[in-house]
Amino acid sequence: MESQNISLTEAQQMVDQWIKTIGVRYFSELTNLAMLTEEVGELARIIARTYGDQSFKTSDEGKDMADEMADVLWVLICLANQTGVDLNQAFLQNIQKKTLRDKDRHLNNEKLK
């Protein structure tokens, strides 16, 4: 697939269109929450083996960190769509919140110097 930049809003629309045309319907919110936890676990496994002390098992071969991150994003987008969350707006508000709250905190953290 050709590389392209999309907004969070476009990603939400793309997932919604896929669900309605190929996926039949959204899974329940609770099922998607369980799936999100599962996908985060799969990502954690790859990160633990790539950057941590564990070695890869044969069953880990062929796992792709970027693909696992995309799986996490997919399910998160599904949950946002189901619950009426505009991820673009939520992300912008979250950045603003973090900026106001932490504008000096990290700069003054001796552990980060």
N, C-alpha and C. Protein backbone atom coordinates (compact mmCIF):
# COMPACT_ATOMS: atom_id res chain seq x y z
N MET A 1 0.85 -1.18 0.00
CA MET A 1 0.00 0.00 0.00
C MET A 1 0.89 1.24 0.00
N GLU A 2 0.52 2.21 -0.77
CA GLU A 2 1.27 3.47 -0.86
C GLU A 2 1.19 4.22 0.47
N SER A 3 2.32 4.74 0.90
CA SER A 3 2.37 5.49 2.15
C SER A 3 1.61 6.81 1.99
N GLN A 4 0.78 7.10 2.98
CA GLN A 4 0.04 8.35 2.97
C GLN A 4 -0.16 8.82 4.40
N ASN A 5 -0.27 10.10 4.57
CA ASN A 5 -0.56 10.66 5.88
C ASN A 5 -2.06 10.86 6.01
N ILE A 6 -2.59 10.43 7.15
CA ILE A 6 -4.01 10.61 7.43
C ILE A 6 -4.16 11.18 8.83
N SER A 7 -5.24 11.87 9.04
CA SER A 7 -5.54 12.40 10.37
C SER A 7 -6.24 11.33 11.21
N LEU A 8 -6.33 11.57 12.49
CA LEU A 8 -7.07 10.66 13.34
C LEU A 8 -8.54 10.60 12.92
N THR A 9 -9.07 11.73 12.50
CA THR A 9 -10.46 11.77 12.02
C THR A 9 -10.63 10.86 10.80
N GLU A 10 -9.69 10.96 9.88
CA GLU A 10 -9.75 10.10 8.68
C GLU A 10 -9.59 8.63 9.06
N ALA A 11 -8.72 8.35 10.01
CA ALA A 11 -8.55 6.96 10.46
C ALA A 11 -9.85 6.43 11.06
N GLN A 12 -10.51 7.25 11.86
CA GLN A 12 -11.78 6.83 12.43
C GLN A 12 -12.81 6.55 11.34
N GLN A 13 -12.84 7.40 10.32
CA GLN A 13 -13.78 7.20 9.22
C GLN A 13 -13.44 5.94 8.42
N MET A 14 -12.15 5.68 8.20
CA MET A 14 -11.72 4.50 7.45
C MET A 14 -12.11 3.21 8.19
N VAL A 15 -11.88 3.19 9.51
CA VAL A 15 -12.24 2.02 10.30
C VAL A 15 -13.75 1.82 10.27
N ASP A 16 -14.51 2.89 10.44
CA ASP A 16 -15.97 2.79 10.43
C ASP A 16 -16.47 2.25 9.09
N GLN A 17 -15.92 2.75 8.01
CA GLN A 17 -16.31 2.27 6.67
C GLN A 17 -15.98 0.79 6.51
N TRP A 18 -14.80 0.38 6.97
CA TRP A 18 -14.39 -1.03 6.87
C TRP A 18 -15.33 -1.91 7.67
N ILE A 19 -15.63 -1.49 8.90
CA ILE A 19 -16.52 -2.27 9.76
C ILE A 19 -17.88 -2.44 9.09
N LYS A 20 -18.41 -1.37 8.52
CA LYS A 20 -19.75 -1.41 7.93
C LYS A 20 -19.80 -2.16 6.61
N THR A 21 -18.69 -2.28 5.90
CA THR A 21 -18.72 -2.95 4.59
C THR A 21 -18.09 -4.34 4.60
N ILE A 22 -17.12 -4.56 5.47
CA ILE A 22 -16.41 -5.84 5.49
C ILE A 22 -16.59 -6.57 6.82
N GLY A 23 -16.57 -5.82 7.89
CA GLY A 23 -16.62 -6.41 9.23
C GLY A 23 -18.00 -6.74 9.74
N VAL A 24 -19.03 -6.41 8.99
CA VAL A 24 -20.45 -6.64 9.30
C VAL A 24 -20.95 -5.69 10.39
N ARG A 25 -20.32 -5.71 11.57
CA ARG A 25 -20.71 -4.81 12.65
C ARG A 25 -19.57 -4.75 13.65
N TYR A 26 -19.64 -3.75 14.53
CA TYR A 26 -18.67 -3.65 15.61
C TYR A 26 -18.91 -4.77 16.61
N PHE A 27 -17.84 -5.30 17.18
CA PHE A 27 -17.98 -6.17 18.34
C PHE A 27 -18.46 -5.28 19.50
N SER A 28 -18.96 -5.88 20.55
CA SER A 28 -19.41 -5.09 21.70
C SER A 28 -18.22 -4.34 22.30
N GLU A 29 -18.54 -3.29 23.02
CA GLU A 29 -17.49 -2.50 23.67
C GLU A 29 -16.66 -3.35 24.63
N LEU A 30 -17.30 -4.24 25.36
CA LEU A 30 -16.56 -5.10 26.28
C LEU A 30 -15.65 -6.08 25.54
N THR A 31 -16.13 -6.61 24.43
CA THR A 31 -15.28 -7.49 23.61
C THR A 31 -14.10 -6.72 23.07
N ASN A 32 -14.36 -5.50 22.59
CA ASN A 32 -13.25 -4.69 22.07
C ASN A 32 -12.27 -4.30 23.17
N LEU A 33 -12.74 -4.06 24.37
CA LEU A 33 -11.82 -3.78 25.47
C LEU A 33 -10.92 -4.99 25.74
N ALA A 34 -11.52 -6.18 25.74
CA ALA A 34 -10.72 -7.40 25.93
C ALA A 34 -9.72 -7.56 24.78
N MET A 35 -10.17 -7.26 23.57
CA MET A 35 -9.28 -7.37 22.41
C MET A 35 -8.14 -6.35 22.50
N LEU A 36 -8.44 -5.14 22.99
CA LEU A 36 -7.41 -4.12 23.16
C LEU A 36 -6.34 -4.61 24.14
N THR A 37 -6.78 -5.21 25.23
CA THR A 37 -5.85 -5.75 26.21
C THR A 37 -4.99 -6.84 25.59
N GLU A 38 -5.60 -7.69 24.80
CA GLU A 38 -4.87 -8.76 24.12
C GLU A 38 -3.83 -8.19 23.16
N GLU A 39 -4.21 -7.20 22.39
CA GLU A 39 -3.28 -6.60 21.41
C GLU A 39 -2.13 -5.88 22.12
N VAL A 40 -2.41 -5.19 23.22
CA VAL A 40 -1.34 -4.54 23.99
C VAL A 40 -0.39 -5.61 24.53
N GLY A 41 -0.93 -6.73 24.96
CA GLY A 41 -0.09 -7.84 25.42
C GLY A 41 0.83 -8.37 24.34
N GLU A 42 0.31 -8.49 23.12
CA GLU A 42 1.13 -8.96 22.00
C GLU A 42 2.25 -7.97 21.70
N LEU A 43 1.94 -6.68 21.76
CA LEU A 43 2.95 -5.65 21.56
C LEU A 43 3.98 -5.71 22.68
N ALA A 44 3.53 -5.86 23.91
CA ALA A 44 4.44 -5.94 25.06
C ALA A 44 5.39 -7.12 24.92
N ARG A 45 4.90 -8.22 24.41
CA ARG A 45 5.74 -9.41 24.22
C ARG A 45 6.89 -9.11 23.27
N ILE A 46 6.59 -8.46 22.16
CA ILE A 46 7.63 -8.12 21.18
C ILE A 46 8.63 -7.14 21.79
N ILE A 47 8.13 -6.13 22.48
CA ILE A 47 9.03 -5.14 23.09
C ILE A 47 9.90 -5.78 24.16
N ALA A 48 9.32 -6.67 24.97
CA ALA A 48 10.08 -7.35 26.02
C ALA A 48 11.20 -8.19 25.42
N ARG A 49 10.94 -8.80 24.28
CA ARG A 49 11.94 -9.65 23.66
C ARG A 49 12.96 -8.85 22.85
N THR A 50 12.53 -7.74 22.31
CA THR A 50 13.44 -6.91 21.51
C THR A 50 14.34 -6.04 22.39
N TYR A 51 13.78 -5.45 23.42
CA TYR A 51 14.52 -4.50 24.25
C TYR A 51 14.78 -4.98 25.67
N GLY A 52 14.10 -6.04 26.07
CA GLY A 52 14.26 -6.55 27.43
C GLY A 52 15.20 -7.74 27.48
N ASP A 53 15.09 -8.48 28.53
CA ASP A 53 16.02 -9.57 28.80
C ASP A 53 15.56 -10.92 28.26
N GLN A 54 14.33 -11.02 27.83
CA GLN A 54 13.84 -12.30 27.33
C GLN A 54 14.31 -12.54 25.90
N SER A 55 14.50 -13.81 25.58
CA SER A 55 14.86 -14.17 24.21
C SER A 55 13.60 -14.53 23.43
N PHE A 56 13.71 -14.48 22.12
CA PHE A 56 12.58 -14.82 21.26
C PHE A 56 12.36 -16.32 21.26
N LYS A 57 11.11 -16.72 21.21
CA LYS A 57 10.72 -18.11 21.05
C LYS A 57 10.39 -18.34 19.58
N THR A 58 10.35 -19.56 19.17
CA THR A 58 9.99 -19.88 17.80
C THR A 58 8.63 -19.29 17.45
N SER A 59 7.71 -19.31 18.40
CA SER A 59 6.35 -18.79 18.15
C SER A 59 6.35 -17.27 17.97
N ASP A 60 7.44 -16.59 18.37
CA ASP A 60 7.52 -15.14 18.21
C ASP A 60 8.01 -14.73 16.83
N GLU A 61 8.57 -15.66 16.10
CA GLU A 61 9.14 -15.32 14.79
C GLU A 61 8.05 -14.83 13.84
N GLY A 62 8.39 -13.82 13.08
CA GLY A 62 7.46 -13.26 12.12
C GLY A 62 6.54 -12.20 12.70
N LYS A 63 6.63 -11.96 14.01
CA LYS A 63 5.82 -10.91 14.62
C LYS A 63 6.45 -9.56 14.32
N ASP A 64 5.63 -8.60 13.98
CA ASP A 64 6.10 -7.29 13.56
C ASP A 64 5.58 -6.23 14.53
N MET A 65 6.51 -5.48 15.15
CA MET A 65 6.12 -4.48 16.13
C MET A 65 5.18 -3.43 15.54
N ALA A 66 5.47 -2.95 14.35
CA ALA A 66 4.62 -1.93 13.73
C ALA A 66 3.21 -2.47 13.51
N ASP A 67 3.10 -3.71 13.07
CA ASP A 67 1.79 -4.32 12.85
C ASP A 67 1.03 -4.47 14.16
N GLU A 68 1.73 -4.83 15.21
CA GLU A 68 1.08 -4.96 16.52
C GLU A 68 0.62 -3.60 17.03
N MET A 69 1.42 -2.56 16.80
CA MET A 69 1.00 -1.21 17.18
C MET A 69 -0.24 -0.80 16.40
N ALA A 70 -0.28 -1.15 15.13
CA ALA A 70 -1.45 -0.83 14.30
C ALA A 70 -2.68 -1.58 14.80
N ASP A 71 -2.51 -2.84 15.27
CA ASP A 71 -3.63 -3.59 15.84
C ASP A 71 -4.18 -2.89 17.07
N VAL A 72 -3.28 -2.38 17.92
CA VAL A 72 -3.71 -1.63 19.11
C VAL A 72 -4.50 -0.40 18.69
N LEU A 73 -3.97 0.34 17.72
CA LEU A 73 -4.64 1.54 17.24
C LEU A 73 -6.01 1.21 16.65
N TRP A 74 -6.09 0.15 15.88
CA TRP A 74 -7.35 -0.27 15.25
C TRP A 74 -8.44 -0.47 16.30
N VAL A 75 -8.13 -1.26 17.33
CA VAL A 75 -9.15 -1.56 18.34
C VAL A 75 -9.49 -0.30 19.14
N LEU A 76 -8.49 0.54 19.42
CA LEU A 76 -8.76 1.79 20.11
C LEU A 76 -9.70 2.68 19.28
N ILE A 77 -9.47 2.72 17.98
CA ILE A 77 -10.34 3.49 17.09
C ILE A 77 -11.76 2.91 17.09
N CYS A 78 -11.86 1.59 17.09
CA CYS A 78 -13.19 0.97 17.17
C CYS A 78 -13.91 1.42 18.43
N LEU A 79 -13.22 1.39 19.56
CA LEU A 79 -13.83 1.82 20.82
C LEU A 79 -14.22 3.30 20.77
N ALA A 80 -13.38 4.12 20.19
CA ALA A 80 -13.70 5.54 20.06
C ALA A 80 -14.95 5.74 19.21
N ASN A 81 -15.01 5.03 18.09
CA ASN A 81 -16.18 5.15 17.22
C ASN A 81 -17.45 4.71 17.94
N GLN A 82 -17.36 3.63 18.68
CA GLN A 82 -18.53 3.09 19.36
C GLN A 82 -19.03 4.00 20.48
N THR A 83 -18.12 4.72 21.09
CA THR A 83 -18.49 5.51 22.26
C THR A 83 -18.60 7.00 21.95
N GLY A 84 -18.46 7.36 20.68
CA GLY A 84 -18.64 8.74 20.26
C GLY A 84 -17.48 9.67 20.58
N VAL A 85 -16.28 9.11 20.73
CA VAL A 85 -15.11 9.92 21.03
C VAL A 85 -14.44 10.36 19.73
N ASP A 86 -14.22 11.64 19.59
CA ASP A 86 -13.47 12.21 18.47
C ASP A 86 -12.00 12.19 18.90
N LEU A 87 -11.24 11.21 18.41
CA LEU A 87 -9.85 11.06 18.84
C LEU A 87 -8.98 12.26 18.49
N ASN A 88 -9.26 12.90 17.38
CA ASN A 88 -8.48 14.08 17.00
C ASN A 88 -8.64 15.17 18.06
N GLN A 89 -9.88 15.46 18.43
CA GLN A 89 -10.15 16.48 19.45
C GLN A 89 -9.62 16.03 20.81
N ALA A 90 -9.83 14.78 21.15
CA ALA A 90 -9.37 14.27 22.44
C ALA A 90 -7.85 14.36 22.55
N PHE A 91 -7.15 14.05 21.46
CA PHE A 91 -5.69 14.11 21.47
C PHE A 91 -5.21 15.55 21.65
N LEU A 92 -5.82 16.47 20.92
CA LEU A 92 -5.43 17.88 21.05
C LEU A 92 -5.66 18.39 22.47
N GLN A 93 -6.79 18.03 23.06
CA GLN A 93 -7.08 18.43 24.43
C GLN A 93 -6.09 17.79 25.41
N ASN A 94 -5.71 16.55 25.14
CA ASN A 94 -4.78 15.85 26.01
C ASN A 94 -3.39 16.49 25.97
N ILE A 95 -2.95 16.88 24.78
CA ILE A 95 -1.65 17.57 24.66
C ILE A 95 -1.68 18.88 25.43
N GLN A 96 -2.78 19.62 25.30
CA GLN A 96 -2.91 20.89 26.02
C GLN A 96 -2.88 20.66 27.53
N LYS A 97 -3.59 19.65 28.00
CA LYS A 97 -3.61 19.32 29.43
C LYS A 97 -2.20 18.99 29.92
N LYS A 98 -1.49 18.14 29.20
CA LYS A 98 -0.15 17.75 29.59
C LYS A 98 0.81 18.94 29.57
N THR A 99 0.66 19.80 28.59
CA THR A 99 1.53 20.97 28.47
C THR A 99 1.34 21.90 29.66
N LEU A 100 0.09 22.17 30.01
CA LEU A 100 -0.19 23.05 31.15
C LEU A 100 0.28 22.42 32.47
N ARG A 101 0.02 21.15 32.61
CA ARG A 101 0.34 20.46 33.87
C ARG A 101 1.84 20.25 34.04
N ASP A 102 2.54 19.93 32.96
CA ASP A 102 3.92 19.46 33.05
C ASP A 102 4.94 20.41 32.44
N LYS A 103 4.56 21.68 32.20
CA LYS A 103 5.45 22.59 31.49
C LYS A 103 6.81 22.73 32.15
N ASP A 104 6.88 22.65 33.47
CA ASP A 104 8.16 22.76 34.17
C ASP A 104 8.57 21.45 34.85
N ARG A 105 7.64 20.57 35.04
CA ARG A 105 7.89 19.35 35.82
C ARG A 105 9.05 18.54 35.28
N HIS A 106 9.06 18.24 33.99
CA HIS A 106 10.10 17.39 33.42
C HIS A 106 11.43 18.13 33.31
N LEU A 107 11.35 19.41 33.01
CA LEU A 107 12.58 20.23 32.93
C LEU A 107 13.31 20.28 34.27
N ASN A 108 12.55 20.24 35.35
CA ASN A 108 13.13 20.33 36.68
C ASN A 108 13.37 18.96 37.33
N ASN A 109 13.17 17.91 36.60
CA ASN A 109 13.34 16.56 37.12
C ASN A 109 14.81 16.15 37.00
N GLU A 110 15.49 16.07 38.11
CA GLU A 110 16.92 15.71 38.13
C GLU A 110 17.17 14.33 37.52
N LYS A 111 16.20 13.44 37.63
CA LYS A 111 16.35 12.09 37.08
C LYS A 111 16.45 12.10 35.56
N LEU A 112 15.96 13.14 34.92
CA LEU A 112 15.96 13.20 33.46
C LEU A 112 17.17 13.93 32.90
N LYS A 113 18.04 14.44 33.77
CA LYS A 113 19.20 15.20 33.31
C LYS A 113 20.42 14.32 33.16
